[in-house]
């Protein structure tokens, strides 16, 4: 897996393959071509970070900072290694339960990425629905900020009233949802 553009362009990142399902290069390239105007100097939050490919791509393209959150220690160690290897500044890595961590966050983020484990069948935990229902998530997103969520193409989570869906794009077996908070 390689970084698509910016200061770390074409450099490889480490991915703990047995643990994560990273966003493909093609999907990241399409995603960042759509949000490029938001990235420069942005404060970014990468939830369910995995190898950190989304947040690292943002830092490489000029984001001011990125907080990476994942509950898996293997993943957070991998993100830390990738940041050091690529000599990217502004990254903070947190090992924590993502939903619990979101409840305790304060401040404002310009972009929030979320790539939770996919909901496959009834009985599986629906991380996307739980995340979207968390009221503090809307509070930590800047007024004109973007929440970008990757979901399985077969899953259509309900979008609670505090969110406005701006766009939804399918890339193979995944769908990228673009959301903004609604001022209540």
N, C-alpha and C. Protein backbone atom coordinates (compact mmCIF):
# COMPACT_ATOMS: atom_id res chain seq x y z
N UNK A 1 0.84 -1.17 0.00
CA UNK A 1 0.00 0.00 0.00
C UNK A 1 0.89 1.24 0.00
N UNK A 2 0.54 2.19 -0.84
CA UNK A 2 1.34 3.41 -0.98
C UNK A 2 0.48 4.65 -0.73
N UNK A 3 1.16 5.72 -0.32
CA UNK A 3 0.51 7.03 -0.19
C UNK A 3 0.38 7.59 -1.61
N UNK A 4 -0.77 8.17 -1.92
CA UNK A 4 -1.07 8.61 -3.28
C UNK A 4 -0.39 9.94 -3.64
N UNK A 5 -0.43 10.93 -2.74
CA UNK A 5 0.06 12.27 -3.09
C UNK A 5 0.62 12.98 -1.88
N UNK A 6 1.24 14.13 -2.14
CA UNK A 6 1.77 14.96 -1.06
C UNK A 6 3.22 14.65 -0.75
N UNK A 7 3.64 15.04 0.45
CA UNK A 7 5.05 14.90 0.84
C UNK A 7 5.52 13.46 0.93
N UNK A 8 4.61 12.52 1.14
CA UNK A 8 4.99 11.10 1.24
C UNK A 8 4.55 10.32 -0.01
N UNK A 9 4.31 11.02 -1.09
CA UNK A 9 3.83 10.41 -2.34
C UNK A 9 4.68 9.20 -2.74
N UNK A 10 3.98 8.13 -3.11
CA UNK A 10 4.56 6.87 -3.59
C UNK A 10 5.31 6.07 -2.54
N UNK A 11 5.34 6.54 -1.30
CA UNK A 11 6.03 5.79 -0.25
C UNK A 11 5.09 4.74 0.32
N UNK A 12 5.64 3.60 0.63
CA UNK A 12 4.84 2.49 1.16
C UNK A 12 4.58 2.65 2.64
N UNK A 13 3.42 2.14 3.07
CA UNK A 13 3.13 2.08 4.49
C UNK A 13 2.91 0.63 4.88
N UNK A 14 3.18 0.35 6.12
CA UNK A 14 3.00 -0.99 6.67
C UNK A 14 1.52 -1.19 7.00
N UNK A 15 1.00 -2.39 6.71
CA UNK A 15 -0.39 -2.72 6.99
C UNK A 15 -0.43 -4.06 7.72
N UNK A 16 -1.01 -4.10 8.92
CA UNK A 16 -1.15 -5.39 9.62
C UNK A 16 -2.28 -6.20 8.98
N UNK A 17 -1.95 -6.95 7.93
CA UNK A 17 -2.95 -7.60 7.07
C UNK A 17 -3.94 -8.50 7.79
N UNK A 18 -3.52 -9.20 8.79
CA UNK A 18 -4.44 -10.12 9.47
C UNK A 18 -5.47 -9.39 10.32
N UNK A 19 -5.27 -8.10 10.53
CA UNK A 19 -6.11 -7.35 11.46
C UNK A 19 -7.04 -6.35 10.77
N UNK A 20 -6.63 -5.79 9.65
CA UNK A 20 -7.39 -4.69 9.05
C UNK A 20 -7.78 -4.96 7.60
N UNK A 21 -8.71 -4.13 7.12
CA UNK A 21 -9.15 -4.11 5.74
C UNK A 21 -8.92 -2.68 5.27
N UNK A 22 -7.71 -2.37 4.79
CA UNK A 22 -7.41 -0.97 4.47
C UNK A 22 -8.18 -0.45 3.25
N UNK A 23 -8.44 0.84 3.26
CA UNK A 23 -9.07 1.49 2.12
C UNK A 23 -8.12 1.39 0.94
N UNK A 24 -8.60 0.91 -0.19
CA UNK A 24 -7.73 0.68 -1.35
C UNK A 24 -7.17 1.99 -1.89
N UNK A 25 -6.05 1.87 -2.62
CA UNK A 25 -5.43 3.05 -3.23
C UNK A 25 -6.42 3.77 -4.15
N UNK A 26 -7.16 3.01 -4.94
CA UNK A 26 -8.10 3.61 -5.88
C UNK A 26 -9.20 4.39 -5.16
N UNK A 27 -9.70 3.82 -4.07
CA UNK A 27 -10.75 4.48 -3.31
C UNK A 27 -10.20 5.74 -2.63
N UNK A 28 -8.99 5.64 -2.05
CA UNK A 28 -8.39 6.82 -1.41
C UNK A 28 -8.13 7.91 -2.43
N UNK A 29 -7.66 7.55 -3.61
CA UNK A 29 -7.40 8.54 -4.65
C UNK A 29 -8.68 9.27 -5.03
N UNK A 30 -9.77 8.54 -5.23
CA UNK A 30 -11.06 9.15 -5.57
C UNK A 30 -11.57 10.01 -4.43
N UNK A 31 -11.48 9.49 -3.21
CA UNK A 31 -11.93 10.23 -2.03
C UNK A 31 -11.20 11.56 -1.89
N UNK A 32 -9.87 11.52 -1.95
CA UNK A 32 -9.10 12.75 -1.75
C UNK A 32 -9.22 13.71 -2.92
N UNK A 33 -9.55 13.23 -4.11
CA UNK A 33 -9.79 14.17 -5.21
C UNK A 33 -11.07 14.96 -4.95
N UNK A 34 -12.02 14.36 -4.22
CA UNK A 34 -13.27 15.05 -3.90
C UNK A 34 -13.13 16.02 -2.73
N UNK A 35 -12.24 15.74 -1.80
CA UNK A 35 -12.15 16.56 -0.58
C UNK A 35 -10.88 17.40 -0.51
N UNK A 36 -10.14 17.48 -1.59
CA UNK A 36 -8.83 18.16 -1.54
C UNK A 36 -8.91 19.58 -0.97
N UNK A 37 -9.99 20.29 -1.22
CA UNK A 37 -10.12 21.67 -0.73
C UNK A 37 -10.25 21.72 0.80
N UNK A 38 -10.68 20.64 1.42
CA UNK A 38 -10.86 20.60 2.88
C UNK A 38 -9.57 20.22 3.63
N UNK A 39 -8.61 19.61 2.93
CA UNK A 39 -7.49 18.96 3.61
C UNK A 39 -6.41 19.92 4.09
N UNK A 40 -6.04 20.90 3.28
CA UNK A 40 -4.95 21.81 3.63
C UNK A 40 -5.20 22.47 4.98
N UNK A 41 -4.28 22.29 5.92
CA UNK A 41 -4.31 22.86 7.27
C UNK A 41 -5.45 22.33 8.14
N UNK A 42 -6.10 21.25 7.73
CA UNK A 42 -7.23 20.70 8.48
C UNK A 42 -6.76 19.98 9.74
N UNK A 43 -7.65 19.98 10.72
CA UNK A 43 -7.49 19.16 11.92
C UNK A 43 -8.34 17.91 11.65
N UNK A 44 -7.68 16.74 11.65
CA UNK A 44 -8.31 15.50 11.20
C UNK A 44 -8.39 14.49 12.34
N UNK A 45 -9.45 13.69 12.33
CA UNK A 45 -9.63 12.59 13.27
C UNK A 45 -9.85 11.33 12.44
N UNK A 46 -9.05 10.30 12.67
CA UNK A 46 -9.14 9.04 11.94
C UNK A 46 -9.59 7.96 12.92
N UNK A 47 -10.88 7.61 12.88
CA UNK A 47 -11.46 6.64 13.79
C UNK A 47 -11.43 5.24 13.17
N UNK A 48 -11.22 4.23 14.01
CA UNK A 48 -11.02 2.86 13.52
C UNK A 48 -9.86 2.92 12.52
N UNK A 49 -8.77 3.52 12.93
CA UNK A 49 -7.68 3.90 12.05
C UNK A 49 -7.01 2.76 11.30
N UNK A 50 -6.97 1.57 11.88
CA UNK A 50 -6.28 0.46 11.20
C UNK A 50 -4.82 0.82 10.99
N UNK A 51 -4.35 0.79 9.75
CA UNK A 51 -2.97 1.15 9.43
C UNK A 51 -2.79 2.67 9.34
N UNK A 52 -3.89 3.41 9.39
CA UNK A 52 -3.81 4.87 9.35
C UNK A 52 -3.74 5.46 7.97
N UNK A 53 -4.10 4.70 6.94
CA UNK A 53 -3.91 5.17 5.57
C UNK A 53 -4.67 6.47 5.26
N UNK A 54 -5.88 6.64 5.80
CA UNK A 54 -6.64 7.86 5.51
C UNK A 54 -6.02 9.08 6.19
N UNK A 55 -5.71 8.96 7.47
CA UNK A 55 -5.10 10.07 8.18
C UNK A 55 -3.70 10.39 7.68
N UNK A 56 -2.94 9.36 7.35
CA UNK A 56 -1.58 9.58 6.81
C UNK A 56 -1.65 10.27 5.46
N UNK A 57 -2.60 9.86 4.63
CA UNK A 57 -2.80 10.52 3.34
C UNK A 57 -3.12 12.00 3.56
N UNK A 58 -3.97 12.29 4.54
CA UNK A 58 -4.32 13.69 4.85
C UNK A 58 -3.09 14.47 5.31
N UNK A 59 -2.30 13.91 6.21
CA UNK A 59 -1.08 14.59 6.67
C UNK A 59 -0.12 14.82 5.50
N UNK A 60 0.04 13.83 4.65
CA UNK A 60 0.92 13.96 3.49
C UNK A 60 0.48 15.09 2.57
N UNK A 61 -0.83 15.32 2.52
CA UNK A 61 -1.40 16.35 1.63
C UNK A 61 -1.56 17.71 2.32
N UNK A 62 -1.04 17.86 3.53
CA UNK A 62 -1.01 19.18 4.15
C UNK A 62 -1.93 19.41 5.32
N UNK A 63 -2.59 18.38 5.83
CA UNK A 63 -3.40 18.56 7.04
C UNK A 63 -2.49 19.00 8.18
N UNK A 64 -3.00 19.84 9.06
CA UNK A 64 -2.20 20.35 10.18
C UNK A 64 -1.94 19.28 11.22
N UNK A 65 -2.95 18.43 11.46
CA UNK A 65 -2.80 17.39 12.48
C UNK A 65 -3.78 16.26 12.20
N UNK A 66 -3.51 15.12 12.81
CA UNK A 66 -4.43 13.99 12.73
C UNK A 66 -4.31 13.17 13.99
N UNK A 67 -5.45 12.94 14.64
CA UNK A 67 -5.53 12.03 15.77
C UNK A 67 -6.02 10.69 15.25
N UNK A 68 -5.24 9.64 15.46
CA UNK A 68 -5.57 8.29 15.03
C UNK A 68 -6.07 7.51 16.23
N UNK A 69 -7.24 6.88 16.12
CA UNK A 69 -7.80 6.12 17.23
C UNK A 69 -8.18 4.72 16.75
N UNK A 70 -7.67 3.73 17.45
CA UNK A 70 -8.04 2.34 17.18
C UNK A 70 -7.89 1.57 18.49
N UNK A 71 -8.72 0.56 18.69
CA UNK A 71 -8.62 -0.20 19.94
C UNK A 71 -7.57 -1.30 19.87
N UNK A 72 -7.10 -1.63 18.67
CA UNK A 72 -6.14 -2.71 18.50
C UNK A 72 -4.71 -2.17 18.61
N UNK A 73 -3.98 -2.65 19.59
CA UNK A 73 -2.61 -2.20 19.84
C UNK A 73 -1.69 -2.47 18.64
N UNK A 74 -1.92 -3.57 17.93
CA UNK A 74 -1.12 -3.86 16.73
C UNK A 74 -1.31 -2.74 15.71
N UNK A 75 -2.55 -2.29 15.54
CA UNK A 75 -2.85 -1.21 14.60
C UNK A 75 -2.20 0.10 15.02
N UNK A 76 -2.34 0.48 16.28
CA UNK A 76 -1.78 1.77 16.71
C UNK A 76 -0.25 1.75 16.66
N UNK A 77 0.36 0.61 16.94
CA UNK A 77 1.82 0.52 16.80
C UNK A 77 2.22 0.66 15.33
N UNK A 78 1.42 0.09 14.44
CA UNK A 78 1.67 0.19 13.01
C UNK A 78 1.55 1.65 12.53
N UNK A 79 0.52 2.35 12.98
CA UNK A 79 0.35 3.76 12.62
C UNK A 79 1.56 4.57 13.09
N UNK A 80 1.99 4.34 14.33
CA UNK A 80 3.15 5.05 14.87
C UNK A 80 4.39 4.78 14.02
N UNK A 81 4.60 3.53 13.64
CA UNK A 81 5.74 3.18 12.78
C UNK A 81 5.65 3.90 11.43
N UNK A 82 4.45 3.91 10.84
CA UNK A 82 4.27 4.57 9.55
C UNK A 82 4.55 6.07 9.64
N UNK A 83 4.08 6.71 10.69
CA UNK A 83 4.33 8.15 10.86
C UNK A 83 5.82 8.43 10.98
N UNK A 84 6.52 7.61 11.75
CA UNK A 84 7.97 7.80 11.92
C UNK A 84 8.71 7.54 10.62
N UNK A 85 8.36 6.45 9.94
CA UNK A 85 9.02 6.07 8.69
C UNK A 85 8.86 7.17 7.63
N UNK A 86 7.68 7.77 7.57
CA UNK A 86 7.39 8.79 6.56
C UNK A 86 7.77 10.19 7.04
N UNK A 87 8.22 10.30 8.28
CA UNK A 87 8.62 11.58 8.88
C UNK A 87 7.49 12.62 8.79
N UNK A 88 6.28 12.16 9.12
CA UNK A 88 5.12 13.06 9.11
C UNK A 88 4.88 13.61 10.51
N UNK A 89 4.68 14.89 10.60
CA UNK A 89 4.45 15.57 11.88
C UNK A 89 2.95 15.81 12.08
N UNK A 90 2.54 15.95 13.32
CA UNK A 90 1.16 16.29 13.63
C UNK A 90 0.28 15.10 13.93
N UNK A 91 0.84 13.90 13.95
CA UNK A 91 0.05 12.71 14.25
C UNK A 91 0.09 12.36 15.72
N UNK A 92 -1.07 12.09 16.28
CA UNK A 92 -1.20 11.61 17.66
C UNK A 92 -1.94 10.28 17.58
N UNK A 93 -1.37 9.25 18.19
CA UNK A 93 -1.94 7.91 18.11
C UNK A 93 -2.48 7.50 19.47
N UNK A 94 -3.75 7.03 19.49
CA UNK A 94 -4.42 6.66 20.72
C UNK A 94 -4.95 5.23 20.60
N UNK A 95 -4.60 4.40 21.57
CA UNK A 95 -5.18 3.06 21.65
C UNK A 95 -6.34 3.12 22.63
N UNK A 96 -7.55 2.99 22.11
CA UNK A 96 -8.75 3.11 22.95
C UNK A 96 -9.95 2.55 22.21
N UNK A 97 -10.98 2.20 22.98
CA UNK A 97 -12.26 1.86 22.38
C UNK A 97 -12.76 3.12 21.66
N UNK A 98 -12.99 3.01 20.37
CA UNK A 98 -13.30 4.19 19.56
C UNK A 98 -14.57 4.89 20.03
N UNK A 99 -15.65 4.15 20.22
CA UNK A 99 -16.91 4.78 20.61
C UNK A 99 -16.82 5.43 21.98
N UNK A 100 -16.14 4.79 22.92
CA UNK A 100 -15.92 5.38 24.24
C UNK A 100 -15.06 6.62 24.16
N UNK A 101 -14.05 6.59 23.30
CA UNK A 101 -13.15 7.74 23.15
C UNK A 101 -13.89 8.94 22.55
N UNK A 102 -14.75 8.69 21.56
CA UNK A 102 -15.51 9.77 20.92
C UNK A 102 -16.38 10.49 21.96
N UNK A 103 -16.93 9.76 22.90
CA UNK A 103 -17.78 10.36 23.94
C UNK A 103 -17.00 11.35 24.80
N UNK A 104 -15.69 11.14 24.94
CA UNK A 104 -14.87 11.99 25.82
C UNK A 104 -14.13 13.11 25.08
N UNK A 105 -14.18 13.12 23.77
CA UNK A 105 -13.44 14.12 23.01
C UNK A 105 -14.07 15.51 23.12
N UNK A 106 -13.23 16.52 22.98
CA UNK A 106 -13.71 17.89 22.90
C UNK A 106 -12.90 18.57 21.80
N UNK A 107 -13.21 19.81 21.53
CA UNK A 107 -12.53 20.51 20.45
C UNK A 107 -13.28 20.31 19.14
N UNK A 108 -12.67 20.72 18.06
CA UNK A 108 -13.31 20.67 16.75
C UNK A 108 -12.36 20.06 15.73
N UNK A 109 -12.92 19.19 14.90
CA UNK A 109 -12.18 18.59 13.79
C UNK A 109 -12.81 19.04 12.49
N UNK A 110 -11.97 19.30 11.50
CA UNK A 110 -12.45 19.71 10.18
C UNK A 110 -12.89 18.51 9.35
N UNK A 111 -12.17 17.40 9.53
CA UNK A 111 -12.49 16.16 8.82
C UNK A 111 -12.42 15.01 9.81
N UNK A 112 -13.45 14.16 9.79
CA UNK A 112 -13.43 12.94 10.59
C UNK A 112 -13.63 11.77 9.63
N UNK A 113 -12.65 10.87 9.62
CA UNK A 113 -12.75 9.64 8.86
C UNK A 113 -13.18 8.53 9.81
N UNK A 114 -14.05 7.65 9.36
CA UNK A 114 -14.42 6.47 10.15
C UNK A 114 -14.53 5.28 9.21
N UNK A 115 -13.74 4.27 9.49
CA UNK A 115 -13.74 3.05 8.69
C UNK A 115 -13.90 1.86 9.64
N UNK A 116 -15.11 1.74 10.24
CA UNK A 116 -15.32 0.69 11.25
C UNK A 116 -15.42 -0.70 10.63
N UNK A 117 -15.32 -1.73 11.47
CA UNK A 117 -15.56 -3.09 10.97
C UNK A 117 -16.93 -3.15 10.29
N UNK A 118 -16.98 -3.87 9.18
CA UNK A 118 -18.22 -3.95 8.41
C UNK A 118 -19.28 -4.75 9.13
N UNK A 119 -20.52 -4.28 8.99
CA UNK A 119 -21.72 -5.00 9.45
C UNK A 119 -22.06 -5.96 8.33
N UNK A 120 -22.02 -7.25 8.62
CA UNK A 120 -22.24 -8.25 7.57
C UNK A 120 -23.60 -8.92 7.64
N UNK A 121 -24.05 -9.22 8.86
CA UNK A 121 -25.30 -9.98 8.98
C UNK A 121 -25.99 -9.62 10.28
N UNK A 122 -27.30 -9.85 10.37
CA UNK A 122 -28.00 -9.58 11.63
C UNK A 122 -27.30 -10.29 12.79
N UNK A 123 -27.17 -9.57 13.88
CA UNK A 123 -26.45 -10.10 15.04
C UNK A 123 -25.05 -9.52 15.17
N UNK A 124 -24.47 -9.06 14.03
CA UNK A 124 -23.17 -8.38 14.10
C UNK A 124 -23.36 -7.01 14.73
N UNK A 125 -22.32 -6.52 15.36
CA UNK A 125 -22.38 -5.18 15.93
C UNK A 125 -22.34 -4.16 14.79
N UNK A 126 -23.24 -3.22 14.81
CA UNK A 126 -23.34 -2.20 13.76
C UNK A 126 -22.63 -0.94 14.25
N UNK A 127 -21.32 -0.91 14.06
CA UNK A 127 -20.51 0.21 14.53
C UNK A 127 -20.89 1.52 13.86
N UNK A 128 -21.27 1.48 12.59
CA UNK A 128 -21.62 2.72 11.88
C UNK A 128 -22.84 3.36 12.53
N UNK A 129 -23.89 2.58 12.75
CA UNK A 129 -25.10 3.14 13.38
C UNK A 129 -24.81 3.65 14.78
N UNK A 130 -24.00 2.91 15.54
CA UNK A 130 -23.65 3.35 16.89
C UNK A 130 -22.87 4.66 16.84
N UNK A 131 -21.93 4.75 15.91
CA UNK A 131 -21.11 5.96 15.78
C UNK A 131 -21.96 7.16 15.38
N UNK A 132 -22.81 7.00 14.37
CA UNK A 132 -23.65 8.11 13.91
C UNK A 132 -24.64 8.57 14.97
N UNK A 133 -25.05 7.66 15.84
CA UNK A 133 -25.99 8.01 16.91
C UNK A 133 -25.32 8.72 18.08
N UNK A 134 -23.99 8.66 18.16
CA UNK A 134 -23.26 9.30 19.27
C UNK A 134 -23.33 10.82 19.11
N UNK A 135 -24.03 11.47 20.01
CA UNK A 135 -24.25 12.92 19.92
C UNK A 135 -22.96 13.74 19.95
N UNK A 136 -21.97 13.29 20.69
CA UNK A 136 -20.74 14.07 20.78
C UNK A 136 -19.98 14.09 19.45
N UNK A 137 -20.20 13.11 18.59
CA UNK A 137 -19.53 13.11 17.29
C UNK A 137 -19.90 14.37 16.50
N UNK A 138 -21.18 14.72 16.51
CA UNK A 138 -21.61 15.94 15.82
C UNK A 138 -21.02 17.19 16.48
N UNK A 139 -20.84 17.16 17.80
CA UNK A 139 -20.30 18.32 18.52
C UNK A 139 -18.83 18.57 18.22
N UNK A 140 -18.07 17.51 17.94
CA UNK A 140 -16.63 17.69 17.69
C UNK A 140 -16.31 17.93 16.22
N UNK A 141 -17.31 17.87 15.35
CA UNK A 141 -17.10 18.19 13.94
C UNK A 141 -17.37 19.67 13.72
N UNK A 142 -16.44 20.36 13.10
CA UNK A 142 -16.60 21.79 12.81
C UNK A 142 -17.88 22.01 12.00
N UNK A 143 -18.43 23.20 12.08
CA UNK A 143 -19.71 23.51 11.43
C UNK A 143 -19.70 23.14 9.95
N UNK A 144 -18.66 23.47 9.23
CA UNK A 144 -18.59 23.14 7.81
C UNK A 144 -17.71 21.92 7.55
N UNK A 145 -17.43 21.15 8.60
CA UNK A 145 -16.56 19.99 8.48
C UNK A 145 -17.23 18.82 7.79
N UNK A 146 -16.42 17.80 7.51
CA UNK A 146 -16.91 16.60 6.83
C UNK A 146 -16.70 15.37 7.69
N UNK A 147 -17.73 14.55 7.78
CA UNK A 147 -17.63 13.21 8.35
C UNK A 147 -17.68 12.26 7.17
N UNK A 148 -16.64 11.44 7.04
CA UNK A 148 -16.54 10.52 5.91
C UNK A 148 -16.49 9.11 6.47
N UNK A 149 -17.52 8.32 6.13
CA UNK A 149 -17.68 6.98 6.71
C UNK A 149 -17.66 5.94 5.61
N UNK A 150 -16.85 4.89 5.81
CA UNK A 150 -16.81 3.78 4.87
C UNK A 150 -17.66 2.65 5.43
N UNK A 151 -18.58 2.14 4.58
CA UNK A 151 -19.45 1.04 4.99
C UNK A 151 -19.48 -0.03 3.90
N UNK A 152 -19.88 -1.23 4.28
CA UNK A 152 -20.07 -2.31 3.33
C UNK A 152 -21.20 -1.90 2.38
N UNK A 153 -21.02 -2.16 1.09
CA UNK A 153 -22.01 -1.76 0.09
C UNK A 153 -23.38 -2.40 0.33
N UNK A 154 -23.41 -3.53 1.03
CA UNK A 154 -24.68 -4.22 1.30
C UNK A 154 -25.41 -3.65 2.52
N UNK A 155 -24.77 -2.73 3.22
CA UNK A 155 -25.35 -2.18 4.45
C UNK A 155 -25.77 -0.73 4.24
N UNK A 156 -26.98 -0.41 4.61
CA UNK A 156 -27.47 0.96 4.51
C UNK A 156 -27.88 1.43 5.90
N UNK A 157 -26.92 1.99 6.65
CA UNK A 157 -27.27 2.43 8.00
C UNK A 157 -28.21 3.63 7.96
N UNK A 158 -29.03 3.74 9.00
CA UNK A 158 -29.88 4.90 9.14
C UNK A 158 -29.01 6.10 9.48
N UNK A 159 -29.33 7.24 8.91
CA UNK A 159 -28.60 8.47 9.19
C UNK A 159 -29.47 9.30 10.14
N UNK A 160 -29.03 9.44 11.41
CA UNK A 160 -29.82 10.21 12.38
C UNK A 160 -30.02 11.66 11.97
N UNK A 161 -31.00 12.31 12.62
CA UNK A 161 -31.41 13.67 12.23
C UNK A 161 -30.33 14.73 12.40
N UNK A 162 -29.28 14.47 13.21
CA UNK A 162 -28.23 15.49 13.38
C UNK A 162 -27.24 15.51 12.21
N UNK A 163 -27.46 14.64 11.22
CA UNK A 163 -26.56 14.55 10.07
C UNK A 163 -27.29 14.81 8.77
N UNK A 164 -26.61 15.49 7.85
CA UNK A 164 -27.10 15.67 6.48
C UNK A 164 -26.14 14.91 5.57
N UNK A 165 -26.69 13.99 4.78
CA UNK A 165 -25.84 13.25 3.85
C UNK A 165 -25.66 14.09 2.60
N UNK A 166 -24.40 14.45 2.31
CA UNK A 166 -24.09 15.27 1.15
C UNK A 166 -23.93 14.44 -0.11
N UNK A 167 -23.36 13.24 0.06
CA UNK A 167 -23.07 12.39 -1.09
C UNK A 167 -22.85 10.96 -0.59
N UNK A 168 -22.89 10.05 -1.53
CA UNK A 168 -22.66 8.64 -1.24
C UNK A 168 -22.10 8.03 -2.51
N UNK A 169 -20.90 7.43 -2.43
CA UNK A 169 -20.26 6.87 -3.61
C UNK A 169 -19.89 5.41 -3.37
N UNK A 170 -20.10 4.60 -4.37
CA UNK A 170 -19.75 3.18 -4.27
C UNK A 170 -18.42 2.92 -4.98
N UNK A 171 -17.56 2.17 -4.31
CA UNK A 171 -16.28 1.74 -4.86
C UNK A 171 -16.14 0.25 -4.57
N UNK A 172 -16.48 -0.58 -5.55
CA UNK A 172 -16.40 -2.03 -5.35
C UNK A 172 -17.36 -2.47 -4.26
N UNK A 173 -16.82 -3.11 -3.23
CA UNK A 173 -17.66 -3.64 -2.15
C UNK A 173 -17.88 -2.65 -1.01
N UNK A 174 -17.44 -1.40 -1.18
CA UNK A 174 -17.64 -0.41 -0.12
C UNK A 174 -18.37 0.82 -0.65
N UNK A 175 -18.99 1.52 0.29
CA UNK A 175 -19.65 2.79 0.00
C UNK A 175 -19.03 3.84 0.92
N UNK A 176 -18.73 4.99 0.37
CA UNK A 176 -18.23 6.12 1.15
C UNK A 176 -19.38 7.11 1.30
N UNK A 177 -19.72 7.41 2.57
CA UNK A 177 -20.78 8.38 2.87
C UNK A 177 -20.12 9.69 3.31
N UNK A 178 -20.59 10.80 2.77
CA UNK A 178 -20.11 12.13 3.11
C UNK A 178 -21.22 12.85 3.87
N UNK A 179 -20.94 13.22 5.10
CA UNK A 179 -21.96 13.81 5.97
C UNK A 179 -21.47 15.13 6.57
N UNK A 180 -22.41 15.99 6.87
CA UNK A 180 -22.15 17.21 7.65
C UNK A 180 -23.16 17.27 8.77
N UNK A 181 -22.75 17.92 9.84
CA UNK A 181 -23.68 18.05 10.97
C UNK A 181 -24.71 19.13 10.65
N UNK A 182 -25.88 18.96 11.22
CA UNK A 182 -26.94 19.93 11.06
C UNK A 182 -27.00 20.71 12.36
N UNK A 183 -26.96 22.02 12.26
CA UNK A 183 -27.07 22.88 13.44
C UNK A 183 -28.47 22.78 14.00
N UNK A 184 -28.57 22.41 15.26
CA UNK A 184 -29.88 22.25 15.90
C UNK A 184 -30.17 23.46 16.78
